[in-house]
Amino acid sequence: MMQLPDAEGLQMEDDVWHRACQAASERRVDDDDLLAVQRLLAKAGRWDGVYILSVMAGLETSVLIDADERIFIDWGTAGQVTLQPPVGGRLPFKLWVHTHPRFASYWSSTDTNSLSLGARILENAMVLGQPGPKHSTNRAMVEVDNTTMLSDEGPLNLWTSEEPVPWSAWYKRNNIEVEVME
């Protein structure tokens, strides 16, 4: 089991985290504890925990948050999970987060295809990997200052191109205390 830094404020019992980690490590991606913990982490914006569970499973996972703040979770393969708008989700989708466990934070061809298709229904997207989260905002739906886009033409010219934020900086930005091992 991996520890989740500064988890006291999450109102999650240690045994629930342990069961979710166990389910992830056994790739039981439909496990109720695993899905409940992922929803709790997503609601709290604790993307580090979502990433940890993905790494433990060795599978990509996707979190989609709709206009009503409902959270939908999918699991994919070791190398792919696509944006799949759920039945009953309300537009526009506020955020799509997915993981690249133990790999770089970048927009793969599958990801950019999903962003292209989601250009009219999705406000923000993030990929979690190494060295940390990489974010993109849809300027057709959200006001942005960033003028660097994923493409000069087509639907990807609506999406900002932002550098990954190292996990250490992400923790600092989110006021999450991480114990340094010496």
Protein backbone atom coordinates (compact mmCIF):
# COMPACT_ATOMS: atom_id res chain seq x y z
CA MET A 1 0.00 0.00 0.00
CA MET A 2 1.22 3.49 -0.82
CA GLN A 3 0.61 6.32 1.61
CA LEU A 4 -1.41 9.32 0.57
CA PRO A 5 0.31 12.49 1.83
CA ASP A 6 -1.59 14.77 4.20
CA ALA A 7 -4.80 12.71 3.99
CA GLU A 8 -6.25 13.71 7.38
CA GLY A 9 -8.66 16.26 5.88
CA LEU A 10 -10.18 13.77 3.44
CA GLN A 11 -12.42 12.08 6.03
CA MET A 12 -11.35 8.67 4.77
CA GLU A 13 -10.52 5.87 7.16
CA ASP A 14 -7.14 4.18 6.74
CA ASP A 15 -8.79 0.80 6.18
CA VAL A 16 -10.86 2.20 3.30
CA TRP A 17 -7.69 3.57 1.64
CA HIS A 18 -6.03 0.19 2.25
CA ARG A 19 -8.94 -1.70 0.62
CA ALA A 20 -8.90 0.68 -2.36
CA CYS A 21 -5.14 0.17 -2.77
CA GLN A 22 -5.61 -3.59 -2.56
CA ALA A 23 -8.34 -3.51 -5.21
CA ALA A 24 -6.19 -1.33 -7.48
CA SER A 25 -3.16 -3.59 -7.11
CA GLU A 26 -5.36 -6.57 -8.02
CA ARG A 27 -6.92 -4.64 -10.94
CA ARG A 28 -10.42 -5.01 -9.52
CA VAL A 29 -11.48 -1.74 -11.13
CA ASP A 30 -15.19 -2.27 -10.43
CA ASP A 31 -14.57 -2.59 -6.68
CA ASP A 32 -16.93 -0.39 -4.64
CA ASP A 33 -14.21 0.82 -2.24
CA LEU A 34 -11.87 1.73 -5.10
CA LEU A 35 -14.57 3.66 -6.96
CA ALA A 36 -15.76 5.42 -3.78
CA VAL A 37 -12.20 6.49 -2.93
CA GLN A 38 -11.64 7.75 -6.48
CA ARG A 39 -14.84 9.82 -6.26
CA LEU A 40 -13.81 11.20 -2.85
CA LEU A 41 -10.35 12.10 -4.17
CA ALA A 42 -11.80 13.72 -7.31
CA LYS A 43 -14.30 15.75 -5.29
CA ALA A 44 -11.43 16.98 -3.07
CA GLY A 45 -9.18 17.71 -6.07
CA ARG A 46 -6.61 15.23 -4.76
CA TRP A 47 -5.35 14.16 -8.16
CA ASP A 48 -2.22 12.70 -6.56
CA GLY A 49 -4.39 9.97 -5.00
CA VAL A 50 -6.11 9.22 -8.30
CA TYR A 51 -2.66 8.93 -9.88
CA ILE A 52 -1.35 6.68 -7.06
CA LEU A 53 -4.25 4.25 -7.54
CA SER A 54 -3.66 4.23 -11.30
CA VAL A 55 0.03 3.46 -10.79
CA MET A 56 -0.85 0.65 -8.37
CA ALA A 57 -3.23 -0.86 -10.94
CA GLY A 58 -0.87 -0.26 -13.86
CA LEU A 59 -3.92 0.93 -15.80
CA GLU A 60 -5.12 4.27 -17.07
CA THR A 61 -8.17 5.71 -15.35
CA SER A 62 -10.47 8.56 -16.31
CA VAL A 63 -12.52 10.93 -14.17
CA LEU A 64 -15.20 13.05 -15.82
CA ILE A 65 -17.05 15.78 -13.88
CA ASP A 66 -20.28 17.04 -15.39
CA ALA A 67 -22.13 20.36 -15.10
CA ASP A 68 -23.88 19.15 -11.93
CA GLU A 69 -20.55 18.14 -10.30
CA ARG A 70 -21.39 14.44 -10.73
CA ILE A 71 -18.30 12.28 -11.04
CA PHE A 72 -18.01 9.46 -13.56
CA ILE A 73 -15.08 7.03 -13.49
CA ASP A 74 -13.76 4.71 -16.19
CA TRP A 75 -10.78 2.39 -16.27
CA GLY A 76 -8.91 1.49 -19.44
CA THR A 77 -5.86 -0.53 -20.36
CA ALA A 78 -2.21 -0.03 -19.46
CA GLY A 79 -1.92 2.36 -22.41
CA GLN A 80 -5.32 3.87 -23.13
CA VAL A 81 -8.51 5.26 -21.66
CA THR A 82 -10.74 7.45 -23.81
CA LEU A 83 -13.11 10.28 -23.05
CA GLN A 84 -16.52 8.61 -22.94
CA PRO A 85 -19.39 10.94 -22.07
CA PRO A 86 -21.67 8.92 -19.79
CA VAL A 87 -25.38 8.39 -20.22
CA GLY A 88 -27.10 10.83 -17.87
CA GLY A 89 -24.17 13.26 -17.65
CA ARG A 90 -25.12 16.92 -18.08
CA LEU A 91 -23.27 19.26 -20.42
CA PRO A 92 -20.96 21.02 -20.39
CA PHE A 93 -18.49 18.72 -18.73
CA LYS A 94 -16.32 20.76 -16.38
CA LEU A 95 -13.26 18.51 -16.28
CA TRP A 96 -11.81 15.36 -17.78
CA VAL A 97 -8.82 13.93 -15.92
CA HIS A 98 -7.01 10.81 -16.98
CA THR A 99 -3.74 9.12 -16.09
CA HIS A 100 -0.58 7.90 -17.76
CA PRO A 101 0.68 5.66 -14.94
CA ARG A 102 4.50 5.79 -14.69
CA PHE A 103 4.71 7.64 -18.02
CA ALA A 104 4.99 11.23 -19.15
CA SER A 105 2.27 13.84 -18.84
CA TYR A 106 1.55 14.60 -22.48
CA TRP A 107 -1.37 14.71 -24.89
CA SER A 108 -1.18 11.43 -26.83
CA SER A 109 -2.90 10.99 -30.18
CA THR A 110 -5.82 9.28 -28.38
CA ASP A 111 -5.97 12.22 -25.96
CA THR A 112 -5.89 14.88 -28.67
CA ASN A 113 -8.59 13.00 -30.59
CA SER A 114 -10.71 13.05 -27.41
CA LEU A 115 -10.02 16.78 -26.93
CA SER A 116 -10.98 17.46 -30.56
CA LEU A 117 -14.25 15.58 -30.14
CA GLY A 118 -14.88 17.26 -26.79
CA ALA A 119 -14.20 20.81 -27.98
CA ARG A 120 -17.91 21.72 -27.78
CA ILE A 121 -18.77 19.88 -24.57
CA LEU A 122 -15.67 20.00 -22.33
CA GLU A 123 -14.21 22.99 -20.44
CA ASN A 124 -10.93 21.62 -18.98
CA ALA A 125 -8.73 18.57 -19.26
CA MET A 126 -5.78 17.23 -17.32
CA VAL A 127 -3.42 14.30 -17.72
CA LEU A 128 -1.64 12.90 -14.66
CA GLY A 129 1.79 11.39 -15.15
CA GLN A 130 5.45 12.22 -14.68
CA PRO A 131 6.69 14.69 -13.65
CA GLY A 132 3.18 15.84 -12.62
CA PRO A 133 -0.20 17.08 -13.89
CA LYS A 134 -0.52 18.70 -17.31
CA HIS A 135 -3.55 20.93 -17.81
CA SER A 136 -5.39 22.31 -20.84
CA THR A 137 -8.33 24.73 -21.00
CA ASN A 138 -10.88 25.06 -23.80
CA ARG A 139 -10.86 28.76 -24.68
CA ALA A 140 -14.20 28.39 -26.51
CA MET A 141 -15.83 27.74 -23.11
CA VAL A 142 -13.54 29.33 -20.53
CA GLU A 143 -11.74 32.67 -20.56
CA VAL A 144 -7.98 32.09 -20.64
CA ASP A 145 -4.85 34.24 -20.59
CA ASN A 146 -2.67 31.57 -22.19
CA THR A 147 -2.24 32.09 -25.92
CA THR A 148 -0.17 28.99 -26.64
CA MET A 149 -2.51 26.40 -28.11
CA LEU A 150 -2.21 22.67 -28.87
CA SER A 151 -2.55 23.42 -32.59
CA ASP A 152 -2.75 26.39 -34.94
CA GLU A 153 -5.84 25.02 -36.68
CA GLY A 154 -8.80 22.73 -36.22
CA PRO A 155 -10.51 21.98 -32.91
CA LEU A 156 -7.19 21.69 -31.05
CA ASN A 157 -6.60 25.42 -31.60
CA LEU A 158 -9.21 25.91 -28.84
CA TRP A 159 -7.11 24.05 -26.25
CA THR A 160 -4.27 25.69 -24.31
CA SER A 161 -0.87 24.04 -24.29
CA GLU A 162 0.53 24.17 -20.77
CA GLU A 163 3.66 22.62 -19.29
CA PRO A 164 3.33 19.86 -16.68
CA VAL A 165 3.56 21.01 -13.07
CA PRO A 166 6.01 18.85 -11.06
CA TRP A 167 4.27 16.96 -8.26
CA SER A 168 6.43 18.78 -5.69
CA ALA A 169 5.17 22.16 -6.97
CA TRP A 170 1.61 20.82 -7.18
CA TYR A 171 1.78 19.78 -3.50
CA LYS A 172 3.12 23.20 -2.55
CA ARG A 173 0.49 25.03 -4.64
CA ASN A 174 -2.27 22.99 -2.96
CA ASN A 175 -0.84 23.35 0.58
CA ILE A 176 -0.35 19.62 0.97
CA GLU A 177 2.37 18.62 3.40
CA VAL A 178 4.65 15.88 2.15
CA GLU A 179 7.15 14.19 4.44
CA VAL A 180 10.64 14.21 2.98
CA MET A 181 12.43 10.89 3.44
CA GLU A 182 16.12 11.18 4.19
